PDB file of N, CA and C in Angstrom:
ATOM      1  N   MET A   1      73.466  66.981  79.099  1.00  0.00           N
ATOM      2  CA  MET A   1      72.807  67.164  77.837  1.00  0.00           C
ATOM      3  C   MET A   1      72.836  68.628  77.422  1.00  0.00           C
ATOM      4  N   GLN A   2      72.588  69.536  78.380  1.00  0.00           N
ATOM      5  CA  GLN A   2      72.603  70.951  78.070  1.00  0.00           C
ATOM      6  C   GLN A   2      74.003  71.420  77.696  1.00  0.00           C
ATOM      7  N   LYS A   3      75.002  70.853  78.355  1.00  0.00           N
ATOM      8  CA  LYS A   3      76.384  71.216  78.023  1.00  0.00           C
ATOM      9  C   LYS A   3      76.712  70.787  76.598  1.00  0.00           C
ATOM     10  N   LEU A   4      76.271  69.580  76.218  1.00  0.00           N
ATOM     11  CA  LEU A   4      76.506  69.076  74.881  1.00  0.00           C
ATOM     12  C   LEU A   4      75.790  69.948  73.844  1.00  0.00           C
ATOM     13  N   LEU A   5      74.543  70.304  74.149  1.00  0.00           N
ATOM     14  CA  LEU A   5      73.776  71.159  73.256  1.00  0.00           C
ATOM     15  C   LEU A   5      74.434  72.536  73.128  1.00  0.00           C
ATOM     16  N   GLY A   6      74.879  73.071  74.247  1.00  0.00           N
ATOM     17  CA  GLY A   6      75.567  74.356  74.228  1.00  0.00           C
ATOM     18  C   GLY A   6      76.848  74.305  73.421  1.00  0.00           C
ATOM     19  N   LEU A   7      77.594  73.214  73.574  1.00  0.00           N
ATOM     20  CA  LEU A   7      78.829  73.036  72.820  1.00  0.00           C
ATOM     21  C   LEU A   7      78.553  72.952  71.320  1.00  0.00           C
ATOM     22  N   LEU A   8      77.501  72.215  70.963  1.00  0.00           N
ATOM     23  CA  LEU A   8      77.132  72.090  69.549  1.00  0.00           C
ATOM     24  C   LEU A   8      76.696  73.428  68.969  1.00  0.00           C
ATOM     25  N   LEU A   9      75.910  74.179  69.733  1.00  0.00           N
ATOM     26  CA  LEU A   9      75.466  75.486  69.251  1.00  0.00           C
ATOM     27  C   LEU A   9      76.630  76.452  69.104  1.00  0.00           C
ATOM     28  N   PHE A  10      77.631  76.317  69.956  1.00  0.00           N
ATOM     29  CA  PHE A  10      78.810  77.165  69.867  1.00  0.00           C
ATOM     30  C   PHE A  10      79.714  76.721  68.724  1.00  0.00           C
ATOM     31  N   ALA A  11      79.893  75.417  68.552  1.00  0.00           N
ATOM     32  CA  ALA A  11      80.827  74.894  67.565  1.00  0.00           C
ATOM     33  C   ALA A  11      80.276  74.949  66.149  1.00  0.00           C
ATOM     34  N   PHE A  12      78.967  74.831  65.975  1.00  0.00           N
ATOM     35  CA  PHE A  12      78.395  74.791  64.625  1.00  0.00           C
ATOM     36  C   PHE A  12      78.724  76.025  63.796  1.00  0.00           C
ATOM     37  N   PRO A  13      78.541  77.243  64.342  1.00  0.00           N
ATOM     38  CA  PRO A  13      78.895  78.417  63.528  1.00  0.00           C
ATOM     39  C   PRO A  13      80.384  78.459  63.179  1.00  0.00           C
ATOM     40  N   LEU A  14      81.224  77.985  64.073  1.00  0.00           N
ATOM     41  CA  LEU A  14      82.654  77.972  63.789  1.00  0.00           C
ATOM     42  C   LEU A  14      82.977  77.019  62.642  1.00  0.00           C
ATOM     43  N   VAL A  15      82.365  75.857  62.642  1.00  0.00           N
ATOM     44  CA  VAL A  15      82.592  74.884  61.572  1.00  0.00           C
ATOM     45  C   VAL A  15      82.035  75.421  60.266  1.00  0.00           C
ATOM     46  N   ALA A  16      80.829  75.958  60.309  1.00  0.00           N
ATOM     47  CA  ALA A  16      80.214  76.488  59.090  1.00  0.00           C
ATOM     48  C   ALA A  16      81.033  77.640  58.535  1.00  0.00           C
ATOM     49  N   PHE A  17      81.510  78.508  59.413  1.00  0.00           N
ATOM     50  CA  PHE A  17      82.297  79.649  58.969  1.00  0.00           C
ATOM     51  C   PHE A  17      83.644  79.203  58.407  1.00  0.00           C
ATOM     52  N   SER A  18      84.260  78.220  59.026  1.00  0.00           N
ATOM     53  CA  SER A  18      85.571  77.777  58.558  1.00  0.00           C
ATOM     54  C   SER A  18      85.475  77.088  57.205  1.00  0.00           C
ATOM     55  N   GLN A  19      84.289  76.574  56.846  1.00  0.00           N
ATOM     56  CA  GLN A  19      84.124  75.917  55.559  1.00  0.00           C
ATOM     57  C   GLN A  19      83.659  76.879  54.477  1.00  0.00           C
ATOM     58  N   ALA A  20      83.302  78.085  54.840  1.00  0.00           N
ATOM     59  CA  ALA A  20      82.885  79.077  53.854  1.00  0.00           C
ATOM     60  C   ALA A  20      84.104  79.510  53.038  1.00  0.00           C
ATOM     61  N   PRO A  21      83.905  79.763  51.739  1.00  0.00           N
ATOM     62  CA  PRO A  21      85.043  80.174  50.921  1.00  0.00           C
ATOM     63  C   PRO A  21      85.562  81.547  51.348  1.00  0.00           C
ATOM     64  N   SER A  22      86.852  81.710  51.262  1.00  0.00           N
ATOM     65  CA  SER A  22      87.440  82.993  51.634  1.00  0.00           C
ATOM     66  C   SER A  22      87.222  83.995  50.499  1.00  0.00           C
ATOM     67  N   ALA A  23      87.357  85.265  50.852  1.00  0.00           N
ATOM     68  CA  ALA A  23      87.199  86.319  49.851  1.00  0.00           C
ATOM     69  C   ALA A  23      88.215  86.140  48.720  1.00  0.00           C
ATOM     70  N   CYS A  24      89.414  85.689  49.067  1.00  0.00           N
ATOM     71  CA  CYS A  24      90.465  85.521  48.057  1.00  0.00           C
ATOM     72  C   CYS A  24      90.129  84.395  47.082  1.00  0.00           C
ATOM     73  N   SER A  25      89.586  83.287  47.593  1.00  0.00           N
ATOM     74  CA  SER A  25      89.250  82.191  46.683  1.00  0.00           C
ATOM     75  C   SER A  25      88.061  82.560  45.806  1.00  0.00           C
ATOM     76  N   VAL A  26      87.101  83.304  46.360  1.00  0.00           N
ATOM     77  CA  VAL A  26      85.974  83.774  45.555  1.00  0.00           C
ATOM     78  C   VAL A  26      86.474  84.736  44.490  1.00  0.00           C
ATOM     79  N   LYS A  27      87.376  85.620  44.874  1.00  0.00           N
ATOM     80  CA  LYS A  27      87.935  86.594  43.942  1.00  0.00           C
ATOM     81  C   LYS A  27      88.659  85.873  42.801  1.00  0.00           C
ATOM     82  N   ASP A  28      89.453  84.860  43.129  1.00  0.00           N
ATOM     83  CA  ASP A  28      90.176  84.109  42.098  1.00  0.00           C
ATOM     84  C   ASP A  28      89.226  83.419  41.130  1.00  0.00           C
ATOM     85  N   SER A  29      88.177  82.815  41.660  1.00  0.00           N
ATOM     86  CA  SER A  29      87.243  82.116  40.773  1.00  0.00           C
ATOM     87  C   SER A  29      86.455  83.110  39.919  1.00  0.00           C
ATOM     88  N   LEU A  30      86.116  84.274  40.476  1.00  0.00           N
ATOM     89  CA  LEU A  30      85.429  85.298  39.688  1.00  0.00           C
ATOM     90  C   LEU A  30      86.333  85.854  38.588  1.00  0.00           C
ATOM     91  N   GLU A  31      87.609  86.013  38.890  1.00  0.00           N
ATOM     92  CA  GLU A  31      88.543  86.486  37.862  1.00  0.00           C
ATOM     93  C   GLU A  31      88.649  85.486  36.719  1.00  0.00           C
ATOM     94  N   ALA A  32      88.657  84.203  37.050  1.00  0.00           N
ATOM     95  CA  ALA A  32      88.694  83.166  36.013  1.00  0.00           C
ATOM     96  C   ALA A  32      87.405  83.180  35.196  1.00  0.00           C
ATOM     97  N   GLU A  33      86.284  83.328  35.879  1.00  0.00           N
ATOM     98  CA  GLU A  33      84.996  83.389  35.177  1.00  0.00           C
ATOM     99  C   GLU A  33      84.928  84.622  34.281  1.00  0.00           C
ATOM    100  N   LEU A  34      85.439  85.740  34.766  1.00  0.00           N
ATOM    101  CA  LEU A  34      85.460  86.968  33.982  1.00  0.00           C
ATOM    102  C   LEU A  34      86.295  86.789  32.718  1.00  0.00           C
ATOM    103  N   ALA A  35      87.442  86.172  32.840  1.00  0.00           N
ATOM    104  CA  ALA A  35      88.298  85.939  31.667  1.00  0.00           C
ATOM    105  C   ALA A  35      87.571  85.095  30.622  1.00  0.00           C
ATOM    106  N   GLY A  36      86.862  84.058  31.071  1.00  0.00           N
ATOM    107  CA  GLY A  36      86.098  83.224  30.147  1.00  0.00           C
ATOM    108  C   GLY A  36      84.974  83.992  29.478  1.00  0.00           C
ATOM    109  N   LEU A  37      84.260  84.796  30.259  1.00  0.00           N
ATOM    110  CA  LEU A  37      83.185  85.610  29.686  1.00  0.00           C
ATOM    111  C   LEU A  37      83.720  86.603  28.664  1.00  0.00           C
ATOM    112  N   GLN A  38      84.861  87.197  28.956  1.00  0.00           N
ATOM    113  CA  GLN A  38      85.434  88.173  28.033  1.00  0.00           C
ATOM    114  C   GLN A  38      85.867  87.508  26.730  1.00  0.00           C
ATOM    115  N   ARG A  39      86.387  86.274  26.811  1.00  0.00           N
ATOM    116  CA  ARG A  39      86.740  85.539  25.587  1.00  0.00           C
ATOM    117  C   ARG A  39      85.488  85.249  24.759  1.00  0.00           C
ATOM    118  N   ASP A  40      84.451  84.747  25.428  1.00  0.00           N
ATOM    119  CA  ASP A  40      83.203  84.437  24.734  1.00  0.00           C
ATOM    120  C   ASP A  40      82.574  85.697  24.147  1.00  0.00           C
ATOM    121  N   TYR A  41      82.638  86.781  24.899  1.00  0.00           N
ATOM    122  CA  TYR A  41      82.080  88.048  24.430  1.00  0.00           C
ATOM    123  C   TYR A  41      82.805  88.522  23.168  1.00  0.00           C
ATOM    124  N   ALA A  42      84.113  88.367  23.122  1.00  0.00           N
ATOM    125  CA  ALA A  42      84.877  88.797  21.944  1.00  0.00           C
ATOM    126  C   ALA A  42      84.412  88.056  20.690  1.00  0.00           C
ATOM    127  N   VAL A  43      84.125  86.772  20.823  1.00  0.00           N
ATOM    128  CA  VAL A  43      83.634  85.978  19.689  1.00  0.00           C
ATOM    129  C   VAL A  43      82.260  86.480  19.250  1.00  0.00           C
ATOM    130  N   VAL A  44      81.369  86.674  20.208  1.00  0.00           N
ATOM    131  CA  VAL A  44      80.017  87.143  19.889  1.00  0.00           C
ATOM    132  C   VAL A  44      80.062  88.550  19.304  1.00  0.00           C
ATOM    133  N   GLU A  45      80.935  89.374  19.829  1.00  0.00           N
ATOM    134  CA  GLU A  45      81.062  90.751  19.339  1.00  0.00           C
ATOM    135  C   GLU A  45      81.518  90.769  17.876  1.00  0.00           C
ATOM    136  N   LYS A  46      82.444  89.878  17.504  1.00  0.00           N
ATOM    137  CA  LYS A  46      82.873  89.784  16.104  1.00  0.00           C
ATOM    138  C   LYS A  46      81.707  89.386  15.206  1.00  0.00           C
ATOM    139  N   LYS A  47      80.920  88.397  15.660  1.00  0.00           N
ATOM    140  CA  LYS A  47      79.750  87.974  14.886  1.00  0.00           C
ATOM    141  C   LYS A  47      78.755  89.117  14.753  1.00  0.00           C
ATOM    142  N   PHE A  48      78.558  89.842  15.840  1.00  0.00           N
ATOM    143  CA  PHE A  48      77.622  90.964  15.832  1.00  0.00           C
ATOM    144  C   PHE A  48      78.043  92.008  14.801  1.00  0.00           C
ATOM    145  N   HIS A  49      79.322  92.358  14.785  1.00  0.00           N
ATOM    146  CA  HIS A  49      79.797  93.367  13.825  1.00  0.00           C
ATOM    147  C   HIS A  49      79.714  92.853  12.394  1.00  0.00           C
ATOM    148  N   ALA A  50      80.027  91.584  12.179  1.00  0.00           N
ATOM    149  CA  ALA A  50      79.929  91.012  10.838  1.00  0.00           C
ATOM    150  C   ALA A  50      78.481  91.022  10.359  1.00  0.00           C
ATOM    151  N   MET A  51      77.560  90.674  11.233  1.00  0.00           N
ATOM    152  CA  MET A  51      76.150  90.669  10.849  1.00  0.00           C
ATOM    153  C   MET A  51      75.645  92.092  10.628  1.00  0.00           C
ATOM    154  N   ASN A  52      76.149  93.024  11.364  1.00  0.00           N
ATOM    155  CA  ASN A  52      75.776  94.424  11.178  1.00  0.00           C
ATOM    156  C   ASN A  52      76.258  94.921   9.818  1.00  0.00           C
ATOM    157  N   GLN A  53      77.477  94.538   9.430  1.00  0.00           N
ATOM    158  CA  GLN A  53      77.986  94.900   8.113  1.00  0.00           C
ATOM    159  C   GLN A  53      77.143  94.269   7.006  1.00  0.00           C
ATOM    160  N   LEU A  54      76.752  93.026   7.211  1.00  0.00           N
ATOM    161  CA  LEU A  54      75.885  92.357   6.248  1.00  0.00           C
ATOM    162  C   LEU A  54      74.560  93.092   6.125  1.00  0.00           C
ATOM    163  N   ASN A  55      74.013  93.525   7.235  1.00  0.00           N
ATOM    164  CA  ASN A  55      72.769  94.286   7.227  1.00  0.00           C
ATOM    165  C   ASN A  55      72.923  95.564   6.408  1.00  0.00           C
ATOM    166  N   ASN A  56      74.023  96.270   6.597  1.00  0.00           N
ATOM    167  CA  ASN A  56      74.275  97.492   5.825  1.00  0.00           C
ATOM    168  C   ASN A  56      74.386  97.189   4.338  1.00  0.00           C
ATOM    169  N   SER A  57      75.036  96.068   4.008  1.00  0.00           N
ATOM    170  CA  SER A  57      75.165  95.679   2.603  1.00  0.00           C
ATOM    171  C   SER A  57      73.799  95.350   1.999  1.00  0.00           C
ATOM    172  N   LEU A  58      72.972  94.657   2.744  1.00  0.00           N
ATOM    173  CA  LEU A  58      71.630  94.342   2.249  1.00  0.00           C
ATOM    174  C   LEU A  58      70.821  95.609   1.986  1.00  0.00           C
ATOM    175  N   MET A  59      70.968  96.578   2.849  1.00  0.00           N
ATOM    176  CA  MET A  59      70.255  97.846   2.647  1.00  0.00           C
ATOM    177  C   MET A  59      70.727  98.531   1.374  1.00  0.00           C
ATOM    178  N   LEU A  60      72.035  98.498   1.109  1.00  0.00           N
ATOM    179  CA  LEU A  60      72.557  99.095  -0.112  1.00  0.00           C
ATOM    180  C   LEU A  60      72.048  98.372  -1.358  1.00  0.00           C
ATOM    181  N   VAL A  61      72.017  97.052  -1.304  1.00  0.00           N
ATOM    182  CA  VAL A  61      71.527  96.265  -2.440  1.00  0.00           C
ATOM    183  C   VAL A  61      70.064  96.606  -2.710  1.00  0.00           C
ATOM    184  N   ARG A  62      69.276  96.738  -1.675  1.00  0.00           N
ATOM    185  CA  ARG A  62      67.860  97.095  -1.847  1.00  0.00           C
ATOM    186  C   ARG A  62      67.712  98.463  -2.520  1.00  0.00           C
ATOM    187  N   LYS A  63      68.572  99.407  -2.150  1.00  0.00           N
ATOM    188  CA  LYS A  63      68.492 100.752  -2.727  1.00  0.00           C
ATOM    189  C   LYS A  63      68.930 100.752  -4.193  1.00  0.00           C
ATOM    190  N   GLU A  64      69.999 100.008  -4.476  1.00  0.00           N
ATOM    191  CA  GLU A  64      70.593 100.038  -5.811  1.00  0.00           C
ATOM    192  C   GLU A  64      69.805  99.241  -6.852  1.00  0.00           C
ATOM    193  N   PHE A  65      69.271  98.123  -6.447  1.00  0.00           N
ATOM    194  CA  PHE A  65      68.604  97.239  -7.401  1.00  0.00           C
ATOM    195  C   PHE A  65      67.116  97.208  -7.127  1.00  0.00           C
ATOM    196  N   ARG A  66      66.369  97.522  -8.125  1.00  0.00           N
ATOM    197  CA  ARG A  66      64.910  97.551  -7.976  1.00  0.00           C
ATOM    198  C   ARG A  66      64.265  96.260  -8.507  1.00  0.00           C
ATOM    199  N   ASP A  67      65.088  95.258  -8.789  1.00  0.00           N
ATOM    200  CA  ASP A  67      64.609  93.980  -9.319  1.00  0.00           C
ATOM    201  C   ASP A  67      63.750  93.288  -8.262  1.00  0.00           C
ATOM    202  N   SER A  68      62.490  93.046  -8.571  1.00  0.00           N
ATOM    203  CA  SER A  68      61.579  92.472  -7.581  1.00  0.00           C
ATOM    204  C   SER A  68      61.969  91.045  -7.199  1.00  0.00           C
ATOM    205  N   ALA A  69      62.526  90.271  -8.138  1.00  0.00           N
ATOM    206  CA  ALA A  69      62.950  88.902  -7.813  1.00  0.00           C
ATOM    207  C   ALA A  69      64.106  88.932  -6.816  1.00  0.00           C
ATOM    208  N   LEU A  70      65.045  89.845  -7.028  1.00  0.00           N
ATOM    209  CA  LEU A  70      66.185  89.970  -6.116  1.00  0.00           C
ATOM    210  C   LEU A  70      65.717  90.439  -4.735  1.00  0.00           C
ATOM    211  N   ILE A  71      64.814  91.392  -4.717  1.00  0.00           N
ATOM    212  CA  ILE A  71      64.300  91.893  -3.437  1.00  0.00           C
ATOM    213  C   ILE A  71      63.538  90.795  -2.712  1.00  0.00           C
ATOM    214  N   ALA A  72      62.780  89.983  -3.420  1.00  0.00           N
ATOM    215  CA  ALA A  72      62.057  88.866  -2.798  1.00  0.00           C
ATOM    216  C   ALA A  72      63.042  87.859  -2.197  1.00  0.00           C
ATOM    217  N   GLU A  73      64.133  87.608  -2.906  1.00  0.00           N
ATOM    218  CA  GLU A  73      65.161  86.692  -2.394  1.00  0.00           C
ATOM    219  C   GLU A  73      65.813  87.267  -1.131  1.00  0.00           C
ATOM    220  N   ILE A  74      66.092  88.547  -1.159  1.00  0.00           N
ATOM    221  CA  ILE A  74      66.679  89.215   0.016  1.00  0.00           C
ATOM    222  C   ILE A  74      65.717  89.126   1.198  1.00  0.00           C
ATOM    223  N   GLU A  75      64.441  89.339   0.955  1.00  0.00           N
ATOM    224  CA  GLU A  75      63.451  89.286   2.040  1.00  0.00           C
ATOM    225  C   GLU A  75      63.371  87.891   2.653  1.00  0.00           C
ATOM    226  N   ARG A  76      63.464  86.851   1.824  1.00  0.00           N
ATOM    227  CA  ARG A  76      63.465  85.481   2.364  1.00  0.00           C
ATOM    228  C   ARG A  76      64.712  85.255   3.233  1.00  0.00           C
ATOM    229  N   PHE A  77      65.833  85.753   2.751  1.00  0.00           N
ATOM    230  CA  PHE A  77      67.075  85.632   3.516  1.00  0.00           C
ATOM    231  C   PHE A  77      66.965  86.398   4.839  1.00  0.00           C
ATOM    232  N   GLU A  78      66.381  87.581   4.784  1.00  0.00           N
ATOM    233  CA  GLU A  78      66.299  88.433   5.971  1.00  0.00           C
ATOM    234  C   GLU A  78      65.480  87.816   7.097  1.00  0.00           C
ATOM    235  N   VAL A  79      64.487  87.018   6.776  1.00  0.00           N
ATOM    236  CA  VAL A  79      63.675  86.383   7.817  1.00  0.00           C
ATOM    237  C   VAL A  79      64.568  85.557   8.736  1.00  0.00           C
ATOM    238  N   ASN A  80      65.430  84.732   8.156  1.00  0.00           N
ATOM    239  CA  ASN A  80      66.355  83.932   8.971  1.00  0.00           C
ATOM    240  C   ASN A  80      67.462  84.794   9.570  1.00  0.00           C
ATOM    241  N   TYR A  81      67.927  85.727   8.773  1.00  0.00           N
ATOM    242  CA  TYR A  81      69.025  86.589   9.200  1.00  0.00           C
ATOM    243  C   TYR A  81      68.648  87.384  10.445  1.00  0.00           C
ATOM    244  N   TYR A  82      67.479  88.000  10.446  1.00  0.00           N
ATOM    245  CA  TYR A  82      67.103  88.855  11.568  1.00  0.00           C
ATOM    246  C   TYR A  82      66.878  88.062  12.852  1.00  0.00           C
ATOM    247  N   SER A  83      66.359  86.851  12.740  1.00  0.00           N
ATOM    248  CA  SER A  83      66.210  86.057  13.965  1.00  0.00           C
ATOM    249  C   SER A  83      67.585  85.693  14.523  1.00  0.00           C
ATOM    250  N   LYS A  84      68.522  85.378  13.647  1.00  0.00           N
ATOM    251  CA  LYS A  84      69.890  85.074  14.082  1.00  0.00           C
ATOM    252  C   LYS A  84      70.552  86.345  14.647  1.00  0.00           C
ATOM    253  N   PHE A  85      70.322  87.469  13.982  1.00  0.00           N
ATOM    254  CA  PHE A  85      70.895  88.741  14.434  1.00  0.00           C
ATOM    255  C   PHE A  85      70.385  89.094  15.830  1.00  0.00           C
ATOM    256  N   ARG A  86      69.080  88.922  16.071  1.00  0.00           N
ATOM    257  CA  ARG A  86      68.522  89.222  17.396  1.00  0.00           C
ATOM    258  C   ARG A  86      69.106  88.284  18.454  1.00  0.00           C
ATOM    259  N   GLU A  87      69.339  87.027  18.071  1.00  0.00           N
ATOM    260  CA  GLU A  87      69.939  86.072  19.013  1.00  0.00           C
ATOM    261  C   GLU A  87      71.360  86.498  19.381  1.00  0.00           C
ATOM    262  N   ILE A  88      72.125  86.900  18.381  1.00  0.00           N
ATOM    263  CA  ILE A  88      73.498  87.372  18.636  1.00  0.00           C
ATOM    264  C   ILE A  88      73.462  88.645  19.482  1.00  0.00           C
ATOM    265  N   GLN A  89      72.529  89.515  19.180  1.00  0.00           N
ATOM    266  CA  GLN A  89      72.396  90.760  19.940  1.00  0.00           C
ATOM    267  C   GLN A  89      72.047  90.464  21.402  1.00  0.00           C
ATOM    268  N   ARG A  90      71.158  89.495  21.630  1.00  0.00           N
ATOM    269  CA  ARG A  90      70.772  89.107  22.988  1.00  0.00           C
ATOM    270  C   ARG A  90      71.971  88.528  23.744  1.00  0.00           C
ATOM    271  N   LYS A  91      72.735  87.649  23.070  1.00  0.00           N
ATOM    272  CA  LYS A  91      73.921  87.069  23.703  1.00  0.00           C
ATOM    273  C   LYS A  91      74.932  88.152  24.035  1.00  0.00           C
ATOM    274  N   ASN A  92      75.106  89.068  23.117  1.00  0.00           N
ATOM    275  CA  ASN A  92      76.030  90.176  23.315  1.00  0.00           C
ATOM    276  C   ASN A  92      75.646  90.945  24.577  1.00  0.00           C
ATOM    277  N   THR A  93      74.377  91.253  24.731  1.00  0.00           N
ATOM    278  CA  THR A  93      73.892  91.984  25.904  1.00  0.00           C
ATOM    279  C   THR A  93      74.075  91.164  27.178  1.00  0.00           C
ATOM    280  N   GLU A  94      73.773  89.869  27.118  1.00  0.00           N
ATOM    281  CA  GLU A  94      73.936  89.006  28.294  1.00  0.00           C
ATOM    282  C   GLU A  94      75.398  88.961  28.744  1.00  0.00           C
ATOM    283  N   TYR A  95      76.315  88.817  27.786  1.00  0.00           N
ATOM    284  CA  TYR A  95      77.733  88.790  28.144  1.00  0.00           C
ATOM    285  C   TYR A  95      78.158  90.117  28.770  1.00  0.00           C
ATOM    286  N   LEU A  96      77.719  91.224  28.191  1.00  0.00           N
ATOM    287  CA  LEU A  96      78.078  92.530  28.758  1.00  0.00           C
ATOM    288  C   LEU A  96      77.566  92.686  30.183  1.00  0.00           C
ATOM    289  N   LEU A  97      76.326  92.279  30.418  1.00  0.00           N
ATOM    290  CA  LEU A  97      75.771  92.369  31.775  1.00  0.00           C
ATOM    291  C   LEU A  97      76.528  91.468  32.738  1.00  0.00           C
ATOM    292  N   GLY A  98      76.863  90.264  32.304  1.00  0.00           N
ATOM    293  CA  GLY A  98      77.632  89.349  33.148  1.00  0.00           C
ATOM    294  C   GLY A  98      79.005  89.910  33.483  1.00  0.00           C
ATOM    295  N   ILE A  99      79.657  90.475  32.486  1.00  0.00           N
ATOM    296  CA  ILE A  99      80.984  91.071  32.690  1.00  0.00           C
ATOM    297  C   ILE A  99      80.897  92.241  33.674  1.00  0.00           C
ATOM    298  N   GLN A 100      79.902  93.101  33.487  1.00  0.00           N
ATOM    299  CA  GLN A 100      79.742  94.250  34.390  1.00  0.00           C
ATOM    300  C   GLN A 100      79.445  93.797  35.816  1.00  0.00           C
ATOM    301  N   THR A 101      78.621  92.774  35.961  1.00  0.00           N
ATOM    302  CA  THR A 101      78.275  92.267  37.293  1.00  0.00           C
ATOM    303  C   THR A 101      79.502  91.705  37.998  1.00  0.00           C
ATOM    304  N   ILE A 102      80.267  90.903  37.284  1.00  0.00           N
ATOM    305  CA  ILE A 102      81.465  90.298  37.881  1.00  0.00           C
ATOM    306  C   ILE A 102      82.490  91.372  38.225  1.00  0.00           C
ATOM    307  N   LYS A 103      82.656  92.354  37.356  1.00  0.00           N
ATOM    308  CA  LYS A 103      83.597  93.438  37.654  1.00  0.00           C
ATOM    309  C   LYS A 103      83.195  94.185  38.921  1.00  0.00           C
ATOM    310  N   ALA A 104      81.901  94.410  39.099  1.00  0.00           N
ATOM    311  CA  ALA A 104      81.423  95.090  40.316  1.00  0.00           C
ATOM    312  C   ALA A 104      81.698  94.234  41.550  1.00  0.00           C
ATOM    313  N   GLU A 105      81.451  92.936  41.451  1.00  0.00           N
ATOM    314  CA  GLU A 105      81.727  92.033  42.582  1.00  0.00           C
ATOM    315  C   GLU A 105      83.221  91.993  42.883  1.00  0.00           C
ATOM    316  N   LEU A 106      84.044  92.000  41.840  1.00  0.00           N
ATOM    317  CA  LEU A 106      85.495  91.964  42.040  1.00  0.00           C
ATOM    318  C   LEU A 106      86.000  93.226  42.729  1.00  0.00           C
ATOM    319  N   GLU A 107      85.399  94.365  42.426  1.00  0.00           N
ATOM    320  CA  GLU A 107      85.802  95.611  43.083  1.00  0.00           C
ATOM    321  C   GLU A 107      85.602  95.514  44.591  1.00  0.00           C
ATOM    322  N   VAL A 108      84.489  94.920  44.994  1.00  0.00           N
ATOM    323  CA  VAL A 108      84.213  94.739  46.425  1.00  0.00           C
ATOM    324  C   VAL A 108      85.214  93.765  47.031  1.00  0.00           C
ATOM    325  N   LEU A 109      85.472  92.658  46.332  1.00  0.00           N
ATOM    326  CA  LEU A 109      86.377  91.632  46.866  1.00  0.00           C
ATOM    327  C   LEU A 109      87.835  92.099  46.894  1.00  0.00           C
ATOM    328  N   LYS A 110      88.217  92.970  45.982  1.00  0.00           N
ATOM    329  CA  LYS A 110      89.602  93.461  45.966  1.00  0.00           C
ATOM    330  C   LYS A 110      89.919  94.259  47.228  1.00  0.00           C
ATOM    331  N   LYS A 111      88.899  94.891  47.793  1.00  0.00           N
ATOM    332  CA  LYS A 111      89.108  95.624  49.041  1.00  0.00           C
ATOM    333  C   LYS A 111      89.345  94.658  50.204  1.00  0.00           C
ATOM    334  N   LYS A 112      88.673  93.491  50.143  1.00  0.00           N
ATOM    335  CA  LYS A 112      88.815  92.500  51.205  1.00  0.00           C
ATOM    336  C   LYS A 112      90.062  91.654  51.028  1.00  0.00           C
ATOM    337  N   CYS A 113      90.479  91.476  49.788  1.00  0.00           N
ATOM    338  CA  CYS A 113      91.613  90.603  49.496  1.00  0.00           C
ATOM    339  C   CYS A 113      92.465  91.255  48.409  1.00  0.00           C
ATOM    340  N   PRO A 114      93.342  92.187  48.780  1.00  0.00           N
ATOM    341  CA  PRO A 114      94.153  92.883  47.773  1.00  0.00           C
ATOM    342  C   PRO A 114      95.115  91.924  47.079  1.00  0.00           C
ATOM    343  N   ASP A 115      95.500  92.310  45.865  1.00  0.00           N
ATOM    344  CA  ASP A 115      96.466  91.505  45.110  1.00  0.00           C
ATOM    345  C   ASP A 115      97.787  91.447  45.868  1.00  0.00           C
ATOM    346  N   PRO A 116      98.446  90.275  45.850  1.00  0.00           N
ATOM    347  CA  PRO A 116      99.745  90.173  46.543  1.00  0.00           C
ATOM    348  C   PRO A 116     100.799  91.033  45.848  1.00  0.00           C
ATOM    349  N   ILE A 117     101.684  91.579  46.646  1.00  0.00           N
ATOM    350  CA  ILE A 117     102.779  92.395  46.109  1.00  0.00           C
ATOM    351  C   ILE A 117     103.953  91.468  45.827  1.00  0.00           C
ATOM    352  N   ASP A 118     104.428  91.511  44.587  1.00  0.00           N
ATOM    353  CA  ASP A 118     105.555  90.636  44.210  1.00  0.00           C
ATOM    354  C   ASP A 118     106.875  91.209  44.646  1.00  0.00           C
TER     355      ASP A 118
END
């Protein structure tokens, strides 16, 4: 019984270790995840810049036109606009943090699993 228990205690770490993902497979999956995040970030970044331009245009309209009805309409629009803008800004920040985190992890993994030489 003790021999069997000893064998199991010796073999278990070997089995668990052999089933753990290798640094290269983790690196490959992180690179794929990074590519997806960068694509998504590019879309959000375009929306962010477009909304920023819209914000600048709204500020110009407010300065140029003193019509209270127009300003009231702009203010109603801005309530929805700013909540959407903050959401885009939050997503933009989340994507940037995710990209930076994955890049840092990849730097560590590249040392353990260098790119193959063609």
